[in-house]
Amino acid sequence: MKTKKITSIVFSLLFSSLSISWADSPLTIDAEVDKPIVTTGDILTYSITLKHELDVIPTAPNFDKIVGFEIIERSTSKLRKINEKNIEQKYWVKLRADRVGKHTINSILIPFKIKKKRW
C-alpha cells in the first residue's frame, strides 16, 4: 500500500476587508476576514457589519451561501446605537476550508426594507 503525503497548501482570500456604501445611502456594509491567508485546517472569522438608519430593516446575511468552507460557528451581536439616527449590528461566522486550494468568498446579498414614514 502506497501512502501519499498530503502537504498543507496555503490559500489566499482575495480580500481581507471590503466596505460598500453609496452617497446618501441609509445602509453601510463592511465585510472582513481576520486572516487573508490560512493553511488547511485553520479557522478564519468572516464578519459583516451593517450600519444603518433606524428606519432601515435589513435581513441577516445568509452565510449558508458560502461555498468551499465548513461553517463551524455563527453569531450575531446585539444592536448598538451609534447616534440618534443610526444603529450597528455585526454578524460573523467561523469557517474552515473543506478542500485544499485558493478560495474566494463571493458576495452575499443583504436585502433590506425601509419603514414607511408617517407624516
PDB file of N, CA and C in Angstrom:
ATOM      1  N   MET A   1       0.855  -1.178   0.000  1.00  0.00           N
ATOM      2  CA  MET A   1       0.000   0.000   0.000  1.00  0.00           C
ATOM      3  C   MET A   1       0.896   1.234   0.000  1.00  0.00           C
ATOM      4  N   LYS A   2       0.628   2.115  -0.908  1.00  0.00           N
ATOM      5  CA  LYS A   2       1.424   3.331  -1.047  1.00  0.00           C
ATOM      6  C   LYS A   2       0.702   4.478  -0.351  1.00  0.00           C
ATOM      7  N   THR A   3       1.420   5.165   0.495  1.00  0.00           N
ATOM      8  CA  THR A   3       0.834   6.279   1.215  1.00  0.00           C
ATOM      9  C   THR A   3       1.296   7.581   0.590  1.00  0.00           C
ATOM     10  N   LYS A   4       0.353   8.466   0.345  1.00  0.00           N
ATOM     11  CA  LYS A   4       0.701   9.783  -0.202  1.00  0.00           C
ATOM     12  C   LYS A   4       0.780  10.781   0.943  1.00  0.00           C
ATOM     13  N   LYS A   5       1.778  11.586   0.882  1.00  0.00           N
ATOM     14  CA  LYS A   5       1.927  12.633   1.888  1.00  0.00           C
ATOM     15  C   LYS A   5       1.159  13.855   1.392  1.00  0.00           C
ATOM     16  N   ILE A   6       0.237  14.294   2.181  1.00  0.00           N
ATOM     17  CA  ILE A   6      -0.557  15.466   1.823  1.00  0.00           C
ATOM     18  C   ILE A   6       0.089  16.678   2.466  1.00  0.00           C
ATOM     19  N   THR A   7       0.426  17.631   1.645  1.00  0.00           N
ATOM     20  CA  THR A   7       1.041  18.842   2.183  1.00  0.00           C
ATOM     21  C   THR A   7      -0.012  19.932   2.337  1.00  0.00           C
ATOM     22  N   SER A   8       0.203  20.748   3.316  1.00  0.00           N
ATOM     23  CA  SER A   8      -0.696  21.889   3.516  1.00  0.00           C
ATOM     24  C   SER A   8      -0.476  22.882   2.394  1.00  0.00           C
ATOM     25  N   ILE A   9      -1.532  23.260   1.782  1.00  0.00           N
ATOM     26  CA  ILE A   9      -1.445  24.254   0.722  1.00  0.00           C
ATOM     27  C   ILE A   9      -2.033  25.553   1.255  1.00  0.00           C
ATOM     28  N   VAL A  10      -1.309  26.595   1.060  1.00  0.00           N
ATOM     29  CA  VAL A  10      -1.750  27.904   1.527  1.00  0.00           C
ATOM     30  C   VAL A  10      -2.745  28.457   0.526  1.00  0.00           C
ATOM     31  N   PHE A  11      -3.823  28.966   1.023  1.00  0.00           N
ATOM     32  CA  PHE A  11      -4.736  29.631   0.119  1.00  0.00           C
ATOM     33  C   PHE A  11      -4.967  31.050   0.592  1.00  0.00           C
ATOM     34  N   SER A  12      -5.327  31.885  -0.319  1.00  0.00           N
ATOM     35  CA  SER A  12      -5.462  33.305  -0.019  1.00  0.00           C
ATOM     36  C   SER A  12      -6.860  33.772  -0.381  1.00  0.00           C
ATOM     37  N   LEU A  13      -7.474  34.498   0.510  1.00  0.00           N
ATOM     38  CA  LEU A  13      -8.741  35.130   0.179  1.00  0.00           C
ATOM     39  C   LEU A  13      -8.416  36.394  -0.592  1.00  0.00           C
ATOM     40  N   LEU A  14      -9.188  36.678  -1.582  1.00  0.00           N
ATOM     41  CA  LEU A  14      -8.864  37.797  -2.451  1.00  0.00           C
ATOM     42  C   LEU A  14      -9.062  39.150  -1.794  1.00  0.00           C
ATOM     43  N   PHE A  15      -9.720  39.176  -0.679  1.00  0.00           N
ATOM     44  CA  PHE A  15      -9.844  40.433   0.050  1.00  0.00           C
ATOM     45  C   PHE A  15      -9.782  40.144   1.532  1.00  0.00           C
ATOM     46  N   SER A  16      -9.293  41.108   2.281  1.00  0.00           N
ATOM     47  CA  SER A  16      -9.331  40.939   3.729  1.00  0.00           C
ATOM     48  C   SER A  16     -10.295  41.935   4.357  1.00  0.00           C
ATOM     49  N   SER A  17     -10.653  42.962   3.613  1.00  0.00           N
ATOM     50  CA  SER A  17     -11.615  43.931   4.116  1.00  0.00           C
ATOM     51  C   SER A  17     -12.289  44.616   2.939  1.00  0.00           C
ATOM     52  N   LEU A  18     -13.585  44.825   3.057  1.00  0.00           N
ATOM     53  CA  LEU A  18     -14.352  45.435   1.988  1.00  0.00           C
ATOM     54  C   LEU A  18     -15.449  46.270   2.612  1.00  0.00           C
ATOM     55  N   SER A  19     -15.637  47.479   2.132  1.00  0.00           N
ATOM     56  CA  SER A  19     -16.692  48.344   2.635  1.00  0.00           C
ATOM     57  C   SER A  19     -17.511  48.843   1.454  1.00  0.00           C
ATOM     58  N   ILE A  20     -18.836  48.751   1.581  1.00  0.00           N
ATOM     59  CA  ILE A  20     -19.716  49.187   0.500  1.00  0.00           C
ATOM     60  C   ILE A  20     -20.692  50.212   1.045  1.00  0.00           C
ATOM     61  N   SER A  21     -20.749  51.353   0.382  1.00  0.00           N
ATOM     62  CA  SER A  21     -21.764  52.359   0.699  1.00  0.00           C
ATOM     63  C   SER A  21     -21.869  53.310  -0.481  1.00  0.00           C
ATOM     64  N   TRP A  22     -22.993  53.958  -0.594  1.00  0.00           N
ATOM     65  CA  TRP A  22     -23.202  54.925  -1.655  1.00  0.00           C
ATOM     66  C   TRP A  22     -23.529  56.257  -1.007  1.00  0.00           C
ATOM     67  N   ALA A  23     -23.323  57.327  -1.740  1.00  0.00           N
ATOM     68  CA  ALA A  23     -23.626  58.659  -1.214  1.00  0.00           C
ATOM     69  C   ALA A  23     -25.085  58.701  -0.779  1.00  0.00           C
ATOM     70  N   ASP A  24     -25.333  59.256   0.352  1.00  0.00           N
ATOM     71  CA  ASP A  24     -26.684  59.379   0.912  1.00  0.00           C
ATOM     72  C   ASP A  24     -27.372  58.040   1.127  1.00  0.00           C
ATOM     73  N   SER A  25     -26.629  56.972   1.250  1.00  0.00           N
ATOM     74  CA  SER A  25     -27.209  55.652   1.473  1.00  0.00           C
ATOM     75  C   SER A  25     -27.605  55.499   2.936  1.00  0.00           C
ATOM     76  N   PRO A  26     -28.763  54.875   3.197  1.00  0.00           N
ATOM     77  CA  PRO A  26     -29.166  54.649   4.583  1.00  0.00           C
ATOM     78  C   PRO A  26     -28.508  53.414   5.192  1.00  0.00           C
ATOM     79  N   LEU A  27     -27.642  52.732   4.406  1.00  0.00           N
ATOM     80  CA  LEU A  27     -27.044  51.476   4.844  1.00  0.00           C
ATOM     81  C   LEU A  27     -25.589  51.392   4.395  1.00  0.00           C
ATOM     82  N   THR A  28     -24.708  50.997   5.324  1.00  0.00           N
ATOM     83  CA  THR A  28     -23.296  50.764   5.009  1.00  0.00           C
ATOM     84  C   THR A  28     -22.986  49.318   5.396  1.00  0.00           C
ATOM     85  N   ILE A  29     -22.280  48.614   4.519  1.00  0.00           N
ATOM     86  CA  ILE A  29     -21.932  47.222   4.766  1.00  0.00           C
ATOM     87  C   ILE A  29     -20.419  47.089   4.759  1.00  0.00           C
ATOM     88  N   ASP A  30     -19.852  46.559   5.831  1.00  0.00           N
ATOM     89  CA  ASP A  30     -18.421  46.277   5.924  1.00  0.00           C
ATOM     90  C   ASP A  30     -18.254  44.771   6.048  1.00  0.00           C
ATOM     91  N   ALA A  31     -17.401  44.200   5.211  1.00  0.00           N
ATOM     92  CA  ALA A  31     -17.107  42.769   5.278  1.00  0.00           C
ATOM     93  C   ALA A  31     -15.611  42.600   5.458  1.00  0.00           C
ATOM     94  N   GLU A  32     -15.219  41.640   6.303  1.00  0.00           N
ATOM     95  CA  GLU A  32     -13.790  41.403   6.504  1.00  0.00           C
ATOM     96  C   GLU A  32     -13.525  39.991   6.998  1.00  0.00           C
ATOM     97  N   VAL A  33     -12.316  39.549   6.759  1.00  0.00           N
ATOM     98  CA  VAL A  33     -11.840  38.281   7.315  1.00  0.00           C
ATOM     99  C   VAL A  33     -10.666  38.604   8.225  1.00  0.00           C
ATOM    100  N   ASP A  34     -10.506  37.809   9.280  1.00  0.00           N
ATOM    101  CA  ASP A  34      -9.420  38.089  10.220  1.00  0.00           C
ATOM    102  C   ASP A  34      -8.071  37.592   9.719  1.00  0.00           C
ATOM    103  N   LYS A  35      -8.058  36.656   8.768  1.00  0.00           N
ATOM    104  CA  LYS A  35      -6.812  36.135   8.206  1.00  0.00           C
ATOM    105  C   LYS A  35      -6.971  36.032   6.688  1.00  0.00           C
ATOM    106  N   PRO A  36      -6.239  36.816   5.925  1.00  0.00           N
ATOM    107  CA  PRO A  36      -6.354  36.699   4.472  1.00  0.00           C
ATOM    108  C   PRO A  36      -5.663  35.453   3.924  1.00  0.00           C
ATOM    109  N   ILE A  37      -4.736  34.879   4.686  1.00  0.00           N
ATOM    110  CA  ILE A  37      -4.032  33.673   4.259  1.00  0.00           C
ATOM    111  C   ILE A  37      -4.058  32.669   5.404  1.00  0.00           C
ATOM    112  N   VAL A  38      -4.545  31.464   5.109  1.00  0.00           N
ATOM    113  CA  VAL A  38      -4.578  30.400   6.110  1.00  0.00           C
ATOM    114  C   VAL A  38      -4.124  29.101   5.460  1.00  0.00           C
ATOM    115  N   THR A  39      -3.766  28.141   6.278  1.00  0.00           N
ATOM    116  CA  THR A  39      -3.407  26.824   5.757  1.00  0.00           C
ATOM    117  C   THR A  39      -4.549  25.854   6.049  1.00  0.00           C
ATOM    118  N   THR A  40      -4.515  24.723   5.416  1.00  0.00           N
ATOM    119  CA  THR A  40      -5.564  23.727   5.594  1.00  0.00           C
ATOM    120  C   THR A  40      -5.759  23.424   7.075  1.00  0.00           C
ATOM    121  N   GLY A  41      -7.004  23.436   7.511  1.00  0.00           N
ATOM    122  CA  GLY A  41      -7.327  23.158   8.909  1.00  0.00           C
ATOM    123  C   GLY A  41      -7.444  24.402   9.771  1.00  0.00           C
ATOM    124  N   ASP A  42      -6.876  25.535   9.319  1.00  0.00           N
ATOM    125  CA  ASP A  42      -7.020  26.781  10.071  1.00  0.00           C
ATOM    126  C   ASP A  42      -8.473  27.241  10.025  1.00  0.00           C
ATOM    127  N   ILE A  43      -8.849  27.969  11.038  1.00  0.00           N
ATOM    128  CA  ILE A  43     -10.195  28.539  11.087  1.00  0.00           C
ATOM    129  C   ILE A  43     -10.072  30.047  10.962  1.00  0.00           C
ATOM    130  N   LEU A  44     -10.903  30.625  10.110  1.00  0.00           N
ATOM    131  CA  LEU A  44     -10.916  32.080   9.960  1.00  0.00           C
ATOM    132  C   LEU A  44     -12.286  32.608  10.314  1.00  0.00           C
ATOM    133  N   THR A  45     -12.334  33.868  10.686  1.00  0.00           N
ATOM    134  CA  THR A  45     -13.602  34.514  11.020  1.00  0.00           C
ATOM    135  C   THR A  45     -13.949  35.507   9.926  1.00  0.00           C
ATOM    136  N   TYR A  46     -15.138  35.350   9.367  1.00  0.00           N
ATOM    137  CA  TYR A  46     -15.650  36.245   8.323  1.00  0.00           C
ATOM    138  C   TYR A  46     -16.792  37.028   8.945  1.00  0.00           C
ATOM    139  N   SER A  47     -16.690  38.355   8.936  1.00  0.00           N
ATOM    140  CA  SER A  47     -17.725  39.168   9.576  1.00  0.00           C
ATOM    141  C   SER A  47     -18.299  40.193   8.613  1.00  0.00           C
ATOM    142  N   ILE A  48     -19.560  40.485   8.829  1.00  0.00           N
ATOM    143  CA  ILE A  48     -20.276  41.523   8.085  1.00  0.00           C
ATOM    144  C   ILE A  48     -20.884  42.460   9.120  1.00  0.00           C
ATOM    145  N   THR A  49     -20.572  43.747   8.999  1.00  0.00           N
ATOM    146  CA  THR A  49     -21.119  44.755   9.903  1.00  0.00           C
ATOM    147  C   THR A  49     -22.046  45.664   9.120  1.00  0.00           C
ATOM    148  N   LEU A  50     -23.276  45.786   9.596  1.00  0.00           N
ATOM    149  CA  LEU A  50     -24.263  46.665   8.966  1.00  0.00           C
ATOM    150  C   LEU A  50     -24.449  47.890   9.849  1.00  0.00           C
ATOM    151  N   LYS A  51     -24.296  49.061   9.250  1.00  0.00           N
ATOM    152  CA  LYS A  51     -24.583  50.318   9.937  1.00  0.00           C
ATOM    153  C   LYS A  51     -25.709  50.961   9.133  1.00  0.00           C
ATOM    154  N   HIS A  52     -26.777  51.313   9.832  1.00  0.00           N
ATOM    155  CA  HIS A  52     -27.917  51.843   9.086  1.00  0.00           C
ATOM    156  C   HIS A  52     -28.780  52.760   9.936  1.00  0.00           C
ATOM    157  N   GLU A  53     -29.615  53.500   9.221  1.00  0.00           N
ATOM    158  CA  GLU A  53     -30.555  54.395   9.875  1.00  0.00           C
ATOM    159  C   GLU A  53     -31.643  53.558  10.542  1.00  0.00           C
ATOM    160  N   LEU A  54     -32.302  54.135  11.533  1.00  0.00           N
ATOM    161  CA  LEU A  54     -33.315  53.421  12.302  1.00  0.00           C
ATOM    162  C   LEU A  54     -34.478  52.928  11.451  1.00  0.00           C
ATOM    163  N   ASP A  55     -34.794  53.631  10.355  1.00  0.00           N
ATOM    164  CA  ASP A  55     -35.938  53.224   9.537  1.00  0.00           C
ATOM    165  C   ASP A  55     -35.596  52.145   8.500  1.00  0.00           C
ATOM    166  N   VAL A  56     -34.358  51.643   8.508  1.00  0.00           N
ATOM    167  CA  VAL A  56     -33.946  50.565   7.610  1.00  0.00           C
ATOM    168  C   VAL A  56     -34.071  49.228   8.350  1.00  0.00           C
ATOM    169  N   ILE A  57     -34.670  48.246   7.675  1.00  0.00           N
ATOM    170  CA  ILE A  57     -34.828  46.917   8.256  1.00  0.00           C
ATOM    171  C   ILE A  57     -34.066  45.927   7.371  1.00  0.00           C
ATOM    172  N   PRO A  58     -32.811  45.605   7.735  1.00  0.00           N
ATOM    173  CA  PRO A  58     -32.029  44.667   6.921  1.00  0.00           C
ATOM    174  C   PRO A  58     -32.357  43.213   7.268  1.00  0.00           C
ATOM    175  N   THR A  59     -32.066  42.335   6.328  1.00  0.00           N
ATOM    176  CA  THR A  59     -32.167  40.896   6.547  1.00  0.00           C
ATOM    177  C   THR A  59     -30.783  40.394   6.946  1.00  0.00           C
ATOM    178  N   ALA A  60     -30.722  39.433   7.833  1.00  0.00           N
ATOM    179  CA  ALA A  60     -29.427  38.868   8.247  1.00  0.00           C
ATOM    180  C   ALA A  60     -28.754  38.205   7.042  1.00  0.00           C
ATOM    181  N   PRO A  61     -27.432  38.311   6.935  1.00  0.00           N
ATOM    182  CA  PRO A  61     -26.716  37.669   5.823  1.00  0.00           C
ATOM    183  C   PRO A  61     -26.913  36.144   5.847  1.00  0.00           C
ATOM    184  N   ASN A  62     -27.045  35.556   4.674  1.00  0.00           N
ATOM    185  CA  ASN A  62     -27.202  34.104   4.562  1.00  0.00           C
ATOM    186  C   ASN A  62     -25.828  33.489   4.322  1.00  0.00           C
ATOM    187  N   PHE A  63     -25.135  33.156   5.397  1.00  0.00           N
ATOM    188  CA  PHE A  63     -23.793  32.596   5.297  1.00  0.00           C
ATOM    189  C   PHE A  63     -23.791  31.191   4.694  1.00  0.00           C
ATOM    190  N   ASP A  64     -24.949  30.543   4.622  1.00  0.00           N
ATOM    191  CA  ASP A  64     -25.025  29.210   4.029  1.00  0.00           C
ATOM    192  C   ASP A  64     -24.703  29.230   2.539  1.00  0.00           C
ATOM    193  N   LYS A  65     -24.693  30.393   1.929  1.00  0.00           N
ATOM    194  CA  LYS A  65     -24.366  30.528   0.507  1.00  0.00           C
ATOM    195  C   LYS A  65     -22.859  30.448   0.254  1.00  0.00           C
ATOM    196  N   ILE A  66     -22.045  30.476   1.303  1.00  0.00           N
ATOM    197  CA  ILE A  66     -20.590  30.417   1.142  1.00  0.00           C
ATOM    198  C   ILE A  66     -20.196  29.008   0.714  1.00  0.00           C
ATOM    199  N   VAL A  67     -19.454  28.913  -0.383  1.00  0.00           N
ATOM    200  CA  VAL A  67     -19.043  27.629  -0.948  1.00  0.00           C
ATOM    201  C   VAL A  67     -17.569  27.377  -0.640  1.00  0.00           C
ATOM    202  N   GLY A  68     -17.227  26.122  -0.370  1.00  0.00           N
ATOM    203  CA  GLY A  68     -15.833  25.749  -0.160  1.00  0.00           C
ATOM    204  C   GLY A  68     -15.378  25.802   1.283  1.00  0.00           C
ATOM    205  N   PHE A  69     -16.283  26.138   2.195  1.00  0.00           N
ATOM    206  CA  PHE A  69     -15.948  26.225   3.609  1.00  0.00           C
ATOM    207  C   PHE A  69     -16.998  25.498   4.438  1.00  0.00           C
ATOM    208  N   GLU A  70     -16.578  24.992   5.564  1.00  0.00           N
ATOM    209  CA  GLU A  70     -17.498  24.418   6.533  1.00  0.00           C
ATOM    210  C   GLU A  70     -17.739  25.481   7.599  1.00  0.00           C
ATOM    211  N   ILE A  71     -19.002  25.743   7.916  1.00  0.00           N
ATOM    212  CA  ILE A  71     -19.323  26.710   8.964  1.00  0.00           C
ATOM    213  C   ILE A  71     -19.195  26.000  10.314  1.00  0.00           C
ATOM    214  N   ILE A  72     -18.277  26.496  11.130  1.00  0.00           N
ATOM    215  CA  ILE A  72     -18.003  25.920  12.443  1.00  0.00           C
ATOM    216  C   ILE A  72     -18.891  26.552  13.516  1.00  0.00           C
ATOM    217  N   GLU A  73     -19.092  27.862  13.389  1.00  0.00           N
ATOM    218  CA  GLU A  73     -19.843  28.608  14.401  1.00  0.00           C
ATOM    219  C   GLU A  73     -20.387  29.863  13.745  1.00  0.00           C
ATOM    220  N   ARG A  74     -21.518  30.335  14.216  1.00  0.00           N
ATOM    221  CA  ARG A  74     -22.073  31.605  13.739  1.00  0.00           C
ATOM    222  C   ARG A  74     -22.638  32.392  14.907  1.00  0.00           C
ATOM    223  N   SER A  75     -22.617  33.717  14.779  1.00  0.00           N
ATOM    224  CA  SER A  75     -23.081  34.555  15.877  1.00  0.00           C
ATOM    225  C   SER A  75     -23.549  35.909  15.355  1.00  0.00           C
ATOM    226  N   THR A  76     -24.338  36.577  16.169  1.00  0.00           N
ATOM    227  CA  THR A  76     -24.852  37.908  15.848  1.00  0.00           C
ATOM    228  C   THR A  76     -24.729  38.776  17.090  1.00  0.00           C
ATOM    229  N   SER A  77     -24.226  39.992  16.918  1.00  0.00           N
ATOM    230  CA  SER A  77     -24.125  40.905  18.058  1.00  0.00           C
ATOM    231  C   SER A  77     -25.482  41.537  18.333  1.00  0.00           C
ATOM    232  N   LYS A  78     -25.606  42.127  19.484  1.00  0.00           N
ATOM    233  CA  LYS A  78     -26.809  42.896  19.796  1.00  0.00           C
ATOM    234  C   LYS A  78     -26.739  44.208  19.032  1.00  0.00           C
ATOM    235  N   LEU A  79     -27.891  44.781  18.763  1.00  0.00           N
ATOM    236  CA  LEU A  79     -27.925  46.095  18.116  1.00  0.00           C
ATOM    237  C   LEU A  79     -27.207  47.104  18.998  1.00  0.00           C
ATOM    238  N   ARG A  80     -26.419  47.962  18.364  1.00  0.00           N
ATOM    239  CA  ARG A  80     -25.689  49.007  19.104  1.00  0.00           C
ATOM    240  C   ARG A  80     -26.058  50.353  18.494  1.00  0.00           C
ATOM    241  N   LYS A  81     -26.521  51.247  19.336  1.00  0.00           N
ATOM    242  CA  LYS A  81     -26.890  52.577  18.870  1.00  0.00           C
ATOM    243  C   LYS A  81     -25.625  53.400  18.662  1.00  0.00           C
ATOM    244  N   ILE A  82     -25.428  53.919  17.449  1.00  0.00           N
ATOM    245  CA  ILE A  82     -24.254  54.735  17.132  1.00  0.00           C
ATOM    246  C   ILE A  82     -24.516  56.194  17.489  1.00  0.00           C
ATOM    247  N   ASN A  83     -25.686  56.681  17.107  1.00  0.00           N
ATOM    248  CA  ASN A  83     -26.117  58.042  17.430  1.00  0.00           C
ATOM    249  C   ASN A  83     -27.645  58.055  17.389  1.00  0.00           C
ATOM    250  N   GLU A  84     -28.240  59.228  17.387  1.00  0.00           N
ATOM    251  CA  GLU A  84     -29.704  59.340  17.437  1.00  0.00           C
ATOM    252  C   GLU A  84     -30.404  58.732  16.218  1.00  0.00           C
ATOM    253  N   LYS A  85     -29.694  58.646  15.080  1.00  0.00           N
ATOM    254  CA  LYS A  85     -30.339  58.182  13.851  1.00  0.00           C
ATOM    255  C   LYS A  85     -29.828  56.840  13.341  1.00  0.00           C
ATOM    256  N   ASN A  86     -28.712  56.335  13.883  1.00  0.00           N
ATOM    257  CA  ASN A  86     -28.081  55.158  13.300  1.00  0.00           C
ATOM    258  C   ASN A  86     -27.784  54.062  14.316  1.00  0.00           C
ATOM    259  N   ILE A  87     -27.862  52.816  13.836  1.00  0.00           N
ATOM    260  CA  ILE A  87     -27.516  51.666  14.654  1.00  0.00           C
ATOM    261  C   ILE A  87     -26.556  50.760  13.886  1.00  0.00           C
ATOM    262  N   GLU A  88     -25.939  49.832  14.615  1.00  0.00           N
ATOM    263  CA  GLU A  88     -24.972  48.919  14.021  1.00  0.00           C
ATOM    264  C   GLU A  88     -25.248  47.510  14.524  1.00  0.00           C
ATOM    265  N   GLN A  89     -25.078  46.547  13.632  1.00  0.00           N
ATOM    266  CA  GLN A  89     -25.179  45.148  14.021  1.00  0.00           C
ATOM    267  C   GLN A  89     -24.128  44.358  13.253  1.00  0.00           C
ATOM    268  N   LYS A  90     -23.497  43.407  13.955  1.00  0.00           N
ATOM    269  CA  LYS A  90     -22.423  42.620  13.353  1.00  0.00           C
ATOM    270  C   LYS A  90     -22.820  41.144  13.329  1.00  0.00           C
ATOM    271  N   TYR A  91     -22.558  40.506  12.204  1.00  0.00           N
ATOM    272  CA  TYR A  91     -22.803  39.080  12.016  1.00  0.00           C
ATOM    273  C   TYR A  91     -21.467  38.449  11.661  1.00  0.00           C
ATOM    274  N   TRP A  92     -21.169  37.253  12.206  1.00  0.00           N
ATOM    275  CA  TRP A  92     -19.923  36.612  11.832  1.00  0.00           C
ATOM    276  C   TRP A  92     -20.047  35.098  11.894  1.00  0.00           C
ATOM    277  N   VAL A  93     -19.152  34.455  11.122  1.00  0.00           N
ATOM    278  CA  VAL A  93     -19.057  33.005  11.116  1.00  0.00           C
ATOM    279  C   VAL A  93     -17.599  32.610  11.212  1.00  0.00           C
ATOM    280  N   LYS A  94     -17.364  31.465  11.807  1.00  0.00           N
ATOM    281  CA  LYS A  94     -16.027  30.872  11.808  1.00  0.00           C
ATOM    282  C   LYS A  94     -16.058  29.785  10.740  1.00  0.00           C
ATOM    283  N   LEU A  95     -15.079  29.827   9.836  1.00  0.00           N
ATOM    284  CA  LEU A  95     -15.056  28.942   8.677  1.00  0.00           C
ATOM    285  C   LEU A  95     -13.790  28.109   8.633  1.00  0.00           C
ATOM    286  N   ARG A  96     -13.922  26.885   8.122  1.00  0.00           N
ATOM    287  CA  ARG A  96     -12.770  26.030   7.868  1.00  0.00           C
ATOM    288  C   ARG A  96     -12.912  25.518   6.437  1.00  0.00           C
ATOM    289  N   ALA A  97     -11.832  25.592   5.681  1.00  0.00           N
ATOM    290  CA  ALA A  97     -11.871  25.148   4.290  1.00  0.00           C
ATOM    291  C   ALA A  97     -12.147  23.655   4.237  1.00  0.00           C
ATOM    292  N   ASP A  98     -13.055  23.256   3.342  1.00  0.00           N
ATOM    293  CA  ASP A  98     -13.347  21.830   3.227  1.00  0.00           C
ATOM    294  C   ASP A  98     -12.604  21.182   2.057  1.00  0.00           C
ATOM    295  N   ARG A  99     -11.808  21.964   1.361  1.00  0.00           N
ATOM    296  CA  ARG A  99     -10.935  21.419   0.319  1.00  0.00           C
ATOM    297  C   ARG A  99      -9.695  22.293   0.197  1.00  0.00           C
ATOM    298  N   VAL A 100      -8.658  21.760  -0.383  1.00  0.00           N
ATOM    299  CA  VAL A 100      -7.385  22.457  -0.498  1.00  0.00           C
ATOM    300  C   VAL A 100      -7.411  23.361  -1.731  1.00  0.00           C
ATOM    301  N   GLY A 101      -6.691  24.462  -1.679  1.00  0.00           N
ATOM    302  CA  GLY A 101      -6.583  25.342  -2.834  1.00  0.00           C
ATOM    303  C   GLY A 101      -6.898  26.782  -2.503  1.00  0.00           C
ATOM    304  N   LYS A 102      -7.029  27.584  -3.542  1.00  0.00           N
ATOM    305  CA  LYS A 102      -7.318  29.006  -3.397  1.00  0.00           C
ATOM    306  C   LYS A 102      -8.833  29.190  -3.336  1.00  0.00           C
ATOM    307  N   HIS A 103      -9.291  30.019  -2.404  1.00  0.00           N
ATOM    308  CA  HIS A 103     -10.722  30.220  -2.210  1.00  0.00           C
ATOM    309  C   HIS A 103     -11.078  31.702  -2.268  1.00  0.00           C
ATOM    310  N   THR A 104     -12.265  31.963  -2.712  1.00  0.00           N
ATOM    311  CA  THR A 104     -12.812  33.310  -2.714  1.00  0.00           C
ATOM    312  C   THR A 104     -14.186  33.243  -2.061  1.00  0.00           C
ATOM    313  N   ILE A 105     -14.461  34.166  -1.171  1.00  0.00           N
ATOM    314  CA  ILE A 105     -15.798  34.256  -0.596  1.00  0.00           C
ATOM    315  C   ILE A 105     -16.580  35.224  -1.481  1.00  0.00           C
ATOM    316  N   ASN A 106     -17.606  34.694  -2.130  1.00  0.00           N
ATOM    317  CA  ASN A 106     -18.419  35.518  -3.017  1.00  0.00           C
ATOM    318  C   ASN A 106     -19.280  36.497  -2.227  1.00  0.00           C
ATOM    319  N   SER A 107     -19.759  37.495  -2.908  1.00  0.00           N
ATOM    320  CA  SER A 107     -20.631  38.489  -2.282  1.00  0.00           C
ATOM    321  C   SER A 107     -21.881  37.824  -1.725  1.00  0.00           C
ATOM    322  N   ILE A 108     -22.353  38.349  -0.621  1.00  0.00           N
ATOM    323  CA  ILE A 108     -23.582  37.852  -0.006  1.00  0.00           C
ATOM    324  C   ILE A 108     -24.627  38.957  -0.105  1.00  0.00           C
ATOM    325  N   LEU A 109     -25.757  38.637  -0.673  1.00  0.00           N
ATOM    326  CA  LEU A 109     -26.854  39.585  -0.836  1.00  0.00           C
ATOM    327  C   LEU A 109     -27.503  39.862   0.520  1.00  0.00           C
ATOM    328  N   ILE A 110     -27.706  41.138   0.834  1.00  0.00           N
ATOM    329  CA  ILE A 110     -28.365  41.514   2.090  1.00  0.00           C
ATOM    330  C   ILE A 110     -29.550  42.424   1.745  1.00  0.00           C
ATOM    331  N   PRO A 111     -30.722  41.826   1.534  1.00  0.00           N
ATOM    332  CA  PRO A 111     -31.903  42.635   1.220  1.00  0.00           C
ATOM    333  C   PRO A 111     -32.318  43.476   2.425  1.00  0.00           C
ATOM    334  N   PHE A 112     -32.926  44.615   2.152  1.00  0.00           N
ATOM    335  CA  PHE A 112     -33.430  45.439   3.249  1.00  0.00           C
ATOM    336  C   PHE A 112     -34.669  46.195   2.801  1.00  0.00           C
ATOM    337  N   LYS A 113     -35.474  46.594   3.787  1.00  0.00           N
ATOM    338  CA  LYS A 113     -36.670  47.387   3.545  1.00  0.00           C
ATOM    339  C   LYS A 113     -36.516  48.698   4.303  1.00  0.00           C
ATOM    340  N   ILE A 114     -37.246  49.686   3.877  1.00  0.00           N
ATOM    341  CA  ILE A 114     -37.243  50.973   4.566  1.00  0.00           C
ATOM    342  C   ILE A 114     -38.663  51.186   5.082  1.00  0.00           C
ATOM    343  N   LYS A 115     -38.777  51.444   6.397  1.00  0.00           N
ATOM    344  CA  LYS A 115     -40.084  51.677   7.000  1.00  0.00           C
ATOM    345  C   LYS A 115     -40.729  52.884   6.362  1.00  0.00           C
ATOM    346  N   LYS A 116     -42.032  52.812   6.203  1.00  0.00           N
ATOM    347  CA  LYS A 116     -42.760  53.962   5.680  1.00  0.00           C
ATOM    348  C   LYS A 116     -42.816  55.033   6.755  1.00  0.00           C
ATOM    349  N   LYS A 117     -42.489  56.242   6.352  1.00  0.00           N
ATOM    350  CA  LYS A 117     -42.529  57.357   7.308  1.00  0.00           C
ATOM    351  C   LYS A 117     -43.952  57.886   7.400  1.00  0.00           C
ATOM    352  N   ARG A 118     -44.361  58.176   8.617  1.00  0.00           N
ATOM    353  CA  ARG A 118     -45.706  58.727   8.834  1.00  0.00           C
ATOM    354  C   ARG A 118     -45.563  60.221   9.029  1.00  0.00           C
ATOM    355  N   TRP A 119     -46.302  60.946   8.282  1.00  0.00           N
ATOM    356  CA  TRP A 119     -46.223  62.423   8.367  1.00  0.00           C
ATOM    357  C   TRP A 119     -47.344  62.938   9.173  1.00  0.00           C
TER     358      TRP A 119
END
